[in-house]
């Protein structure tokens, strides 16, 4: 099994099923390939499936909708990223004011 195969298995079995496994007091919702979670301590978003199929405009729209979603809910949030996410994705987040931690 190659490292790519392991990452693909992780994405399929962990990331893609995350919304169905959140704690009871969390609320998870999907927007295309993205999972958004509202928790008692704040929110977070992460790609549940590949972002590769999105055009640059669609990716930008997804980011904008996510920022607006958390603003509507009055919650701060963090964007969970993974090293094997779409090339340029973290750069796109940084260009919109996100800061890596």
PDB file of N, CA and C in Angstrom:
ATOM      1  N   UNK A   1       0.847  -1.171   0.000  1.00  0.00           N
ATOM      2  CA  UNK A   1       0.000   0.000   0.000  1.00  0.00           C
ATOM      3  C   UNK A   1       0.901   1.246   0.000  1.00  0.00           C
ATOM      4  N   UNK A   2       0.591   2.180  -0.871  1.00  0.00           N
ATOM      5  CA  UNK A   2       1.387   3.406  -0.991  1.00  0.00           C
ATOM      6  C   UNK A   2       0.874   4.467  -0.016  1.00  0.00           C
ATOM      7  N   UNK A   3       1.669   5.492   0.239  1.00  0.00           N
ATOM      8  CA  UNK A   3       1.170   6.593   1.071  1.00  0.00           C
ATOM      9  C   UNK A   3      -0.111   7.220   0.490  1.00  0.00           C
ATOM     10  N   UNK A   4      -0.195   7.315  -0.831  1.00  0.00           N
ATOM     11  CA  UNK A   4      -1.408   7.833  -1.469  1.00  0.00           C
ATOM     12  C   UNK A   4      -2.608   6.962  -1.126  1.00  0.00           C
ATOM     13  N   UNK A   5      -2.430   5.642  -1.160  1.00  0.00           N
ATOM     14  CA  UNK A   5      -3.518   4.726  -0.827  1.00  0.00           C
ATOM     15  C   UNK A   5      -3.977   4.912   0.613  1.00  0.00           C
ATOM     16  N   UNK A   6      -3.028   5.112   1.514  1.00  0.00           N
ATOM     17  CA  UNK A   6      -3.375   5.319   2.923  1.00  0.00           C
ATOM     18  C   UNK A   6      -4.156   6.614   3.113  1.00  0.00           C
ATOM     19  N   UNK A   7      -3.714   7.677   2.463  1.00  0.00           N
ATOM     20  CA  UNK A   7      -4.435   8.946   2.561  1.00  0.00           C
ATOM     21  C   UNK A   7      -5.836   8.833   1.969  1.00  0.00           C
ATOM     22  N   UNK A   8      -5.963   8.145   0.866  1.00  0.00           N
ATOM     23  CA  UNK A   8      -7.276   7.948   0.245  1.00  0.00           C
ATOM     24  C   UNK A   8      -8.192   7.156   1.171  1.00  0.00           C
ATOM     25  N   UNK A   9      -7.665   6.128   1.842  1.00  0.00           N
ATOM     26  CA  UNK A   9      -8.456   5.342   2.789  1.00  0.00           C
ATOM     27  C   UNK A   9      -8.881   6.206   3.973  1.00  0.00           C
ATOM     28  N   UNK A  10      -7.973   7.016   4.481  1.00  0.00           N
ATOM     29  CA  UNK A  10      -8.295   7.929   5.582  1.00  0.00           C
ATOM     30  C   UNK A  10      -9.411   8.889   5.167  1.00  0.00           C
ATOM     31  N   UNK A  11      -9.271   9.483   4.006  1.00  0.00           N
ATOM     32  CA  UNK A  11     -10.293  10.415   3.530  1.00  0.00           C
ATOM     33  C   UNK A  11     -11.651   9.738   3.419  1.00  0.00           C
ATOM     34  N   UNK A  12     -11.685   8.539   2.887  1.00  0.00           N
ATOM     35  CA  UNK A  12     -12.937   7.816   2.686  1.00  0.00           C
ATOM     36  C   UNK A  12     -13.561   7.381   4.003  1.00  0.00           C
ATOM     37  N   UNK A  13     -12.768   6.857   4.902  1.00  0.00           N
ATOM     38  CA  UNK A  13     -13.312   6.265   6.132  1.00  0.00           C
ATOM     39  C   UNK A  13     -13.432   7.232   7.300  1.00  0.00           C
ATOM     40  N   UNK A  14     -12.643   8.297   7.299  1.00  0.00           N
ATOM     41  CA  UNK A  14     -12.664   9.223   8.437  1.00  0.00           C
ATOM     42  C   UNK A  14     -13.273  10.572   8.036  1.00  0.00           C
ATOM     43  N   UNK A  15     -12.664  11.234   7.098  1.00  0.00           N
ATOM     44  CA  UNK A  15     -13.147  12.566   6.747  1.00  0.00           C
ATOM     45  C   UNK A  15     -14.544  12.544   6.140  1.00  0.00           C
ATOM     46  N   UNK A  16     -14.804  11.635   5.234  1.00  0.00           N
ATOM     47  CA  UNK A  16     -16.092  11.600   4.539  1.00  0.00           C
ATOM     48  C   UNK A  16     -17.251  11.198   5.448  1.00  0.00           C
ATOM     49  N   UNK A  17     -16.967  10.545   6.561  1.00  0.00           N
ATOM     50  CA  UNK A  17     -18.035  10.097   7.461  1.00  0.00           C
ATOM     51  C   UNK A  17     -18.120  10.932   8.731  1.00  0.00           C
ATOM     52  N   UNK A  18     -17.308  11.974   8.829  1.00  0.00           N
ATOM     53  CA  UNK A  18     -17.224  12.743  10.064  1.00  0.00           C
ATOM     54  C   UNK A  18     -18.568  13.314  10.506  1.00  0.00           C
ATOM     55  N   UNK A  19     -19.320  13.899   9.599  1.00  0.00           N
ATOM     56  CA  UNK A  19     -20.589  14.553   9.958  1.00  0.00           C
ATOM     57  C   UNK A  19     -21.557  13.588  10.644  1.00  0.00           C
ATOM     58  N   UNK A  20     -21.483  12.324  10.326  1.00  0.00           N
ATOM     59  CA  UNK A  20     -22.379  11.332  10.936  1.00  0.00           C
ATOM     60  C   UNK A  20     -21.905  10.883  12.308  1.00  0.00           C
ATOM     61  N   UNK A  21     -20.699  11.307  12.716  1.00  0.00           N
ATOM     62  CA  UNK A  21     -20.140  10.817  13.975  1.00  0.00           C
ATOM     63  C   UNK A  21     -19.878  11.912  15.008  1.00  0.00           C
ATOM     64  N   UNK A  22     -20.444  13.094  14.833  1.00  0.00           N
ATOM     65  CA  UNK A  22     -20.165  14.177  15.775  1.00  0.00           C
ATOM     66  C   UNK A  22     -20.910  13.949  17.093  1.00  0.00           C
ATOM     67  N   UNK A  23     -20.408  14.531  18.179  1.00  0.00           N
ATOM     68  CA  UNK A  23     -21.112  14.434  19.462  1.00  0.00           C
ATOM     69  C   UNK A  23     -22.525  15.021  19.378  1.00  0.00           C
ATOM     70  N   UNK A  24     -23.376  14.608  20.297  1.00  0.00           N
ATOM     71  CA  UNK A  24     -24.790  15.023  20.262  1.00  0.00           C
ATOM     72  C   UNK A  24     -25.001  16.532  20.325  1.00  0.00           C
ATOM     73  N   UNK A  25     -24.140  17.244  21.033  1.00  0.00           N
ATOM     74  CA  UNK A  25     -24.348  18.682  21.169  1.00  0.00           C
ATOM     75  C   UNK A  25     -23.658  19.494  20.064  1.00  0.00           C
ATOM     76  N   UNK A  26     -23.178  18.840  19.048  1.00  0.00           N
ATOM     77  CA  UNK A  26     -22.614  19.498  17.874  1.00  0.00           C
ATOM     78  C   UNK A  26     -23.628  19.418  16.739  1.00  0.00           C
ATOM     79  N   UNK A  27     -23.578  20.385  15.859  1.00  0.00           N
ATOM     80  CA  UNK A  27     -24.419  20.371  14.662  1.00  0.00           C
ATOM     81  C   UNK A  27     -23.498  20.405  13.451  1.00  0.00           C
ATOM     82  N   UNK A  28     -23.614  19.399  12.610  1.00  0.00           N
ATOM     83  CA  UNK A  28     -22.794  19.323  11.392  1.00  0.00           C
ATOM     84  C   UNK A  28     -23.689  19.517  10.179  1.00  0.00           C
ATOM     85  N   UNK A  29     -23.165  20.229   9.195  1.00  0.00           N
ATOM     86  CA  UNK A  29     -23.883  20.399   7.937  1.00  0.00           C
ATOM     87  C   UNK A  29     -22.890  20.317   6.796  1.00  0.00           C
ATOM     88  N   UNK A  30     -23.396  19.999   5.628  1.00  0.00           N
ATOM     89  CA  UNK A  30     -22.566  19.838   4.441  1.00  0.00           C
ATOM     90  C   UNK A  30     -22.851  20.952   3.453  1.00  0.00           C
ATOM     91  N   UNK A  31     -21.828  21.388   2.774  1.00  0.00           N
ATOM     92  CA  UNK A  31     -21.950  22.282   1.627  1.00  0.00           C
ATOM     93  C   UNK A  31     -21.018  21.690   0.589  1.00  0.00           C
ATOM     94  N   UNK A  32     -21.563  20.873  -0.282  1.00  0.00           N
ATOM     95  CA  UNK A  32     -20.734  20.174  -1.261  1.00  0.00           C
ATOM     96  C   UNK A  32     -19.700  19.330  -0.544  1.00  0.00           C
ATOM     97  N   UNK A  33     -18.421  19.534  -0.838  1.00  0.00           N
ATOM     98  CA  UNK A  33     -17.388  18.706  -0.233  1.00  0.00           C
ATOM     99  C   UNK A  33     -16.997  19.130   1.185  1.00  0.00           C
ATOM    100  N   UNK A  34     -17.651  20.149   1.712  1.00  0.00           N
ATOM    101  CA  UNK A  34     -17.249  20.726   2.996  1.00  0.00           C
ATOM    102  C   UNK A  34     -18.192  20.332   4.125  1.00  0.00           C
ATOM    103  N   UNK A  35     -17.625  20.014   5.278  1.00  0.00           N
ATOM    104  CA  UNK A  35     -18.399  19.816   6.498  1.00  0.00           C
ATOM    105  C   UNK A  35     -18.182  21.023   7.391  1.00  0.00           C
ATOM    106  N   UNK A  36     -19.272  21.591   7.884  1.00  0.00           N
ATOM    107  CA  UNK A  36     -19.210  22.688   8.850  1.00  0.00           C
ATOM    108  C   UNK A  36     -19.782  22.180  10.160  1.00  0.00           C
ATOM    109  N   UNK A  37     -19.130  22.510  11.261  1.00  0.00           N
ATOM    110  CA  UNK A  37     -19.614  22.099  12.577  1.00  0.00           C
ATOM    111  C   UNK A  37     -19.778  23.299  13.484  1.00  0.00           C
ATOM    112  N   UNK A  38     -20.902  23.317  14.180  1.00  0.00           N
ATOM    113  CA  UNK A  38     -21.142  24.265  15.252  1.00  0.00           C
ATOM    114  C   UNK A  38     -21.021  23.470  16.544  1.00  0.00           C
ATOM    115  N   UNK A  39     -20.187  23.941  17.453  1.00  0.00           N
ATOM    116  CA  UNK A  39     -19.983  23.257  18.722  1.00  0.00           C
ATOM    117  C   UNK A  39     -20.191  24.258  19.855  1.00  0.00           C
ATOM    118  N   UNK A  40     -20.346  23.782  21.073  1.00  0.00           N
ATOM    119  CA  UNK A  40     -20.503  24.723  22.190  1.00  0.00           C
ATOM    120  C   UNK A  40     -19.301  25.656  22.371  1.00  0.00           C
ATOM    121  N   UNK A  41     -18.157  25.311  21.854  1.00  0.00           N
ATOM    122  CA  UNK A  41     -16.951  26.122  22.019  1.00  0.00           C
ATOM    123  C   UNK A  41     -16.546  26.896  20.774  1.00  0.00           C
ATOM    124  N   UNK A  42     -17.306  26.825  19.732  1.00  0.00           N
ATOM    125  CA  UNK A  42     -16.955  27.491  18.484  1.00  0.00           C
ATOM    126  C   UNK A  42     -17.191  26.559  17.318  1.00  0.00           C
ATOM    127  N   UNK A  43     -16.726  26.959  16.167  1.00  0.00           N
ATOM    128  CA  UNK A  43     -16.976  26.151  14.991  1.00  0.00           C
ATOM    129  C   UNK A  43     -15.715  25.775  14.258  1.00  0.00           C
ATOM    130  N   UNK A  44     -15.883  24.857  13.334  1.00  0.00           N
ATOM    131  CA  UNK A  44     -14.784  24.524  12.436  1.00  0.00           C
ATOM    132  C   UNK A  44     -15.347  23.975  11.142  1.00  0.00           C
ATOM    133  N   UNK A  45     -14.520  24.081  10.120  1.00  0.00           N
ATOM    134  CA  UNK A  45     -14.876  23.579   8.799  1.00  0.00           C
ATOM    135  C   UNK A  45     -13.720  22.747   8.284  1.00  0.00           C
ATOM    136  N   UNK A  46     -14.045  21.724   7.502  1.00  0.00           N
ATOM    137  CA  UNK A  46     -13.006  20.913   6.866  1.00  0.00           C
ATOM    138  C   UNK A  46     -13.583  20.241   5.635  1.00  0.00           C
ATOM    139  N   UNK A  47     -12.721  19.995   4.685  1.00  0.00           N
ATOM    140  CA  UNK A  47     -13.135  19.273   3.488  1.00  0.00           C
ATOM    141  C   UNK A  47     -13.396  17.824   3.879  1.00  0.00           C
ATOM    142  N   UNK A  48     -14.582  17.346   3.578  1.00  0.00           N
ATOM    143  CA  UNK A  48     -14.921  15.952   3.855  1.00  0.00           C
ATOM    144  C   UNK A  48     -14.574  15.074   2.667  1.00  0.00           C
ATOM    145  N   UNK A  49     -14.578  15.677   1.505  1.00  0.00           N
ATOM    146  CA  UNK A  49     -14.177  14.992   0.280  1.00  0.00           C
ATOM    147  C   UNK A  49     -13.277  15.947  -0.507  1.00  0.00           C
ATOM    148  N   UNK A  50     -12.796  15.505  -1.605  1.00  0.00           N
ATOM    149  CA  UNK A  50     -11.823  16.266  -2.390  1.00  0.00           C
ATOM    150  C   UNK A  50     -12.376  17.609  -2.864  1.00  0.00           C
ATOM    151  N   UNK A  51     -11.516  18.599  -2.827  1.00  0.00           N
ATOM    152  CA  UNK A  51     -11.836  19.923  -3.359  1.00  0.00           C
ATOM    153  C   UNK A  51     -11.366  20.070  -4.801  1.00  0.00           C
ATOM    154  N   UNK A  52     -10.733  19.048  -5.324  1.00  0.00           N
ATOM    155  CA  UNK A  52     -10.103  19.108  -6.655  1.00  0.00           C
ATOM    156  C   UNK A  52     -11.090  19.424  -7.772  1.00  0.00           C
ATOM    157  N   UNK A  53     -12.331  18.978  -7.643  1.00  0.00           N
ATOM    158  CA  UNK A  53     -13.300  19.148  -8.723  1.00  0.00           C
ATOM    159  C   UNK A  53     -13.837  20.568  -8.821  1.00  0.00           C
ATOM    160  N   UNK A  54     -13.585  21.389  -7.796  1.00  0.00           N
ATOM    161  CA  UNK A  54     -14.107  22.751  -7.796  1.00  0.00           C
ATOM    162  C   UNK A  54     -13.233  23.674  -8.643  1.00  0.00           C
ATOM    163  N   UNK A  55     -13.888  24.527  -9.400  1.00  0.00           N
ATOM    164  CA  UNK A  55     -13.139  25.570 -10.112  1.00  0.00           C
ATOM    165  C   UNK A  55     -12.654  26.583  -9.078  1.00  0.00           C
ATOM    166  N   UNK A  56     -11.780  27.483  -9.484  1.00  0.00           N
ATOM    167  CA  UNK A  56     -11.292  28.520  -8.572  1.00  0.00           C
ATOM    168  C   UNK A  56     -12.461  29.365  -8.059  1.00  0.00           C
ATOM    169  N   UNK A  57     -13.392  29.680  -8.931  1.00  0.00           N
ATOM    170  CA  UNK A  57     -14.567  30.466  -8.533  1.00  0.00           C
ATOM    171  C   UNK A  57     -15.460  29.719  -7.553  1.00  0.00           C
ATOM    172  N   UNK A  58     -15.645  28.430  -7.802  1.00  0.00           N
ATOM    173  CA  UNK A  58     -16.464  27.633  -6.894  1.00  0.00           C
ATOM    174  C   UNK A  58     -15.807  27.505  -5.522  1.00  0.00           C
ATOM    175  N   UNK A  59     -14.484  27.339  -5.505  1.00  0.00           N
ATOM    176  CA  UNK A  59     -13.765  27.255  -4.240  1.00  0.00           C
ATOM    177  C   UNK A  59     -13.884  28.571  -3.475  1.00  0.00           C
ATOM    178  N   UNK A  60     -13.714  29.681  -4.165  1.00  0.00           N
ATOM    179  CA  UNK A  60     -13.872  30.981  -3.528  1.00  0.00           C
ATOM    180  C   UNK A  60     -15.278  31.173  -2.970  1.00  0.00           C
ATOM    181  N   UNK A  61     -16.279  30.740  -3.720  1.00  0.00           N
ATOM    182  CA  UNK A  61     -17.664  30.829  -3.252  1.00  0.00           C
ATOM    183  C   UNK A  61     -17.903  29.987  -2.012  1.00  0.00           C
ATOM    184  N   UNK A  62     -17.314  28.800  -1.984  1.00  0.00           N
ATOM    185  CA  UNK A  62     -17.438  27.922  -0.822  1.00  0.00           C
ATOM    186  C   UNK A  62     -16.820  28.583   0.414  1.00  0.00           C
ATOM    187  N   UNK A  63     -15.661  29.192   0.238  1.00  0.00           N
ATOM    188  CA  UNK A  63     -15.011  29.882   1.360  1.00  0.00           C
ATOM    189  C   UNK A  63     -15.882  31.048   1.819  1.00  0.00           C
ATOM    190  N   UNK A  64     -16.383  31.841   0.889  1.00  0.00           N
ATOM    191  CA  UNK A  64     -17.222  32.991   1.244  1.00  0.00           C
ATOM    192  C   UNK A  64     -18.499  32.550   1.960  1.00  0.00           C
ATOM    193  N   UNK A  65     -19.145  31.489   1.479  1.00  0.00           N
ATOM    194  CA  UNK A  65     -20.365  30.986   2.128  1.00  0.00           C
ATOM    195  C   UNK A  65     -20.073  30.497   3.538  1.00  0.00           C
ATOM    196  N   UNK A  66     -18.905  29.912   3.723  1.00  0.00           N
ATOM    197  CA  UNK A  66     -18.547  29.392   5.039  1.00  0.00           C
ATOM    198  C   UNK A  66     -18.311  30.533   6.024  1.00  0.00           C
ATOM    199  N   UNK A  67     -17.616  31.561   5.601  1.00  0.00           N
ATOM    200  CA  UNK A  67     -17.412  32.732   6.462  1.00  0.00           C
ATOM    201  C   UNK A  67     -18.775  33.329   6.833  1.00  0.00           C
ATOM    202  N   UNK A  68     -19.656  33.484   5.853  1.00  0.00           N
ATOM    203  CA  UNK A  68     -20.988  34.047   6.109  1.00  0.00           C
ATOM    204  C   UNK A  68     -21.798  33.153   7.045  1.00  0.00           C
ATOM    205  N   UNK A  69     -21.678  31.845   6.894  1.00  0.00           N
ATOM    206  CA  UNK A  69     -22.390  30.886   7.752  1.00  0.00           C
ATOM    207  C   UNK A  69     -22.039  31.123   9.224  1.00  0.00           C
ATOM    208  N   UNK A  70     -20.747  31.198   9.517  1.00  0.00           N
ATOM    209  CA  UNK A  70     -20.339  31.384  10.916  1.00  0.00           C
ATOM    210  C   UNK A  70     -20.659  32.787  11.418  1.00  0.00           C
ATOM    211  N   UNK A  71     -20.610  33.784  10.555  1.00  0.00           N
ATOM    212  CA  UNK A  71     -21.011  35.129  10.962  1.00  0.00           C
ATOM    213  C   UNK A  71     -22.485  35.148  11.349  1.00  0.00           C
ATOM    214  N   UNK A  72     -23.331  34.471  10.555  1.00  0.00           N
ATOM    215  CA  UNK A  72     -24.769  34.397  10.874  1.00  0.00           C
ATOM    216  C   UNK A  72     -25.004  33.733  12.223  1.00  0.00           C
ATOM    217  N   UNK A  73     -24.174  32.762  12.569  1.00  0.00           N
ATOM    218  CA  UNK A  73     -24.323  32.046  13.834  1.00  0.00           C
ATOM    219  C   UNK A  73     -23.541  32.710  14.974  1.00  0.00           C
ATOM    220  N   UNK A  74     -22.863  33.799  14.688  1.00  0.00           N
ATOM    221  CA  UNK A  74     -22.121  34.511  15.714  1.00  0.00           C
ATOM    222  C   UNK A  74     -21.006  33.682  16.341  1.00  0.00           C
ATOM    223  N   UNK A  75     -20.416  32.799  15.553  1.00  0.00           N
ATOM    224  CA  UNK A  75     -19.349  31.935  16.075  1.00  0.00           C
ATOM    225  C   UNK A  75     -18.043  32.172  15.351  1.00  0.00           C
ATOM    226  N   UNK A  76     -16.984  32.166  16.142  1.00  0.00           N
ATOM    227  CA  UNK A  76     -15.639  32.104  15.559  1.00  0.00           C
ATOM    228  C   UNK A  76     -15.448  30.673  15.081  1.00  0.00           C
ATOM    229  N   UNK A  77     -14.566  30.504  14.114  1.00  0.00           N
ATOM    230  CA  UNK A  77     -14.319  29.143  13.647  1.00  0.00           C
ATOM    231  C   UNK A  77     -12.906  29.015  13.129  1.00  0.00           C
ATOM    232  N   UNK A  78     -12.484  27.786  13.034  1.00  0.00           N
ATOM    233  CA  UNK A  78     -11.192  27.509  12.411  1.00  0.00           C
ATOM    234  C   UNK A  78     -11.423  26.569  11.243  1.00  0.00           C
ATOM    235  N   UNK A  79     -10.517  26.669  10.294  1.00  0.00           N
ATOM    236  CA  UNK A  79     -10.587  25.823   9.120  1.00  0.00           C
ATOM    237  C   UNK A  79      -9.533  24.751   9.271  1.00  0.00           C
ATOM    238  N   UNK A  80      -9.972  23.506   9.377  1.00  0.00           N
ATOM    239  CA  UNK A  80      -9.048  22.380   9.487  1.00  0.00           C
ATOM    240  C   UNK A  80      -8.547  22.041   8.077  1.00  0.00           C
ATOM    241  N   UNK A  81      -7.250  22.000   7.920  1.00  0.00           N
ATOM    242  CA  UNK A  81      -6.680  21.635   6.624  1.00  0.00           C
ATOM    243  C   UNK A  81      -5.742  20.451   6.806  1.00  0.00           C
ATOM    244  N   UNK A  82      -5.480  19.793   5.723  1.00  0.00           N
ATOM    245  CA  UNK A  82      -4.614  18.621   5.708  1.00  0.00           C
ATOM    246  C   UNK A  82      -3.562  18.822   4.623  1.00  0.00           C
ATOM    247  N   UNK A  83      -2.390  18.286   4.839  1.00  0.00           N
ATOM    248  CA  UNK A  83      -1.297  18.455   3.875  1.00  0.00           C
ATOM    249  C   UNK A  83      -1.667  17.972   2.478  1.00  0.00           C
ATOM    250  N   UNK A  84      -2.559  17.019   2.395  1.00  0.00           N
ATOM    251  CA  UNK A  84      -2.905  16.483   1.076  1.00  0.00           C
ATOM    252  C   UNK A  84      -4.184  17.097   0.506  1.00  0.00           C
ATOM    253  N   UNK A  85      -4.646  18.214   1.075  1.00  0.00           N
ATOM    254  CA  UNK A  85      -5.749  18.952   0.465  1.00  0.00           C
ATOM    255  C   UNK A  85      -5.277  19.522  -0.873  1.00  0.00           C
ATOM    256  N   UNK A  86      -6.196  20.015  -1.615  1.00  0.00           N
ATOM    257  CA  UNK A  86      -5.949  20.603  -2.940  1.00  0.00           C
ATOM    258  C   UNK A  86      -4.769  21.570  -2.908  1.00  0.00           C
ATOM    259  N   UNK A  87      -3.910  21.474  -3.920  1.00  0.00           N
ATOM    260  CA  UNK A  87      -2.790  22.412  -4.046  1.00  0.00           C
ATOM    261  C   UNK A  87      -3.326  23.838  -4.088  1.00  0.00           C
ATOM    262  N   UNK A  88      -2.690  24.701  -3.332  1.00  0.00           N
ATOM    263  CA  UNK A  88      -3.078  26.102  -3.316  1.00  0.00           C
ATOM    264  C   UNK A  88      -4.214  26.445  -2.362  1.00  0.00           C
ATOM    265  N   UNK A  89      -4.829  25.440  -1.744  1.00  0.00           N
ATOM    266  CA  UNK A  89      -5.983  25.695  -0.879  1.00  0.00           C
ATOM    267  C   UNK A  89      -5.604  26.543   0.330  1.00  0.00           C
ATOM    268  N   UNK A  90      -4.536  26.195   1.018  1.00  0.00           N
ATOM    269  CA  UNK A  90      -4.154  26.985   2.194  1.00  0.00           C
ATOM    270  C   UNK A  90      -3.748  28.400   1.782  1.00  0.00           C
ATOM    271  N   UNK A  91      -3.152  28.547   0.618  1.00  0.00           N
ATOM    272  CA  UNK A  91      -2.829  29.881   0.115  1.00  0.00           C
ATOM    273  C   UNK A  91      -4.081  30.705  -0.133  1.00  0.00           C
ATOM    274  N   UNK A  92      -5.104  30.065  -0.650  1.00  0.00           N
ATOM    275  CA  UNK A  92      -6.383  30.751  -0.879  1.00  0.00           C
ATOM    276  C   UNK A  92      -6.985  31.201   0.455  1.00  0.00           C
ATOM    277  N   UNK A  93      -6.897  30.342   1.468  1.00  0.00           N
ATOM    278  CA  UNK A  93      -7.404  30.724   2.790  1.00  0.00           C
ATOM    279  C   UNK A  93      -6.598  31.897   3.359  1.00  0.00           C
ATOM    280  N   UNK A  94      -5.284  31.841   3.227  1.00  0.00           N
ATOM    281  CA  UNK A  94      -4.435  32.930   3.725  1.00  0.00           C
ATOM    282  C   UNK A  94      -4.761  34.239   3.021  1.00  0.00           C
ATOM    283  N   UNK A  95      -5.022  34.176   1.721  1.00  0.00           N
ATOM    284  CA  UNK A  95      -5.331  35.404   0.966  1.00  0.00           C
ATOM    285  C   UNK A  95      -6.636  36.027   1.430  1.00  0.00           C
ATOM    286  N   UNK A  96      -7.445  35.254   2.129  1.00  0.00           N
ATOM    287  CA  UNK A  96      -8.732  35.760   2.644  1.00  0.00           C
ATOM    288  C   UNK A  96      -8.660  36.058   4.143  1.00  0.00           C
ATOM    289  N   UNK A  97      -7.449  36.083   4.698  1.00  0.00           N
ATOM    290  CA  UNK A  97      -7.285  36.494   6.079  1.00  0.00           C
ATOM    291  C   UNK A  97      -7.122  35.395   7.104  1.00  0.00           C
ATOM    292  N   UNK A  98      -7.202  34.131   6.680  1.00  0.00           N
ATOM    293  CA  UNK A  98      -7.000  33.041   7.632  1.00  0.00           C
ATOM    294  C   UNK A  98      -5.524  32.928   7.970  1.00  0.00           C
ATOM    295  N   UNK A  99      -5.244  32.590   9.208  1.00  0.00           N
ATOM    296  CA  UNK A  99      -3.863  32.487   9.685  1.00  0.00           C
ATOM    297  C   UNK A  99      -3.631  31.062  10.182  1.00  0.00           C
ATOM    298  N   UNK A 100      -2.588  30.385   9.690  1.00  0.00           N
ATOM    299  CA  UNK A 100      -2.333  29.023  10.161  1.00  0.00           C
ATOM    300  C   UNK A 100      -1.867  29.019  11.618  1.00  0.00           C
ATOM    301  N   UNK A 101      -2.274  27.984  12.334  1.00  0.00           N
ATOM    302  CA  UNK A 101      -1.829  27.818  13.728  1.00  0.00           C
ATOM    303  C   UNK A 101      -1.084  26.528  13.870  1.00  0.00           C
TER     304      UNK A 101
END
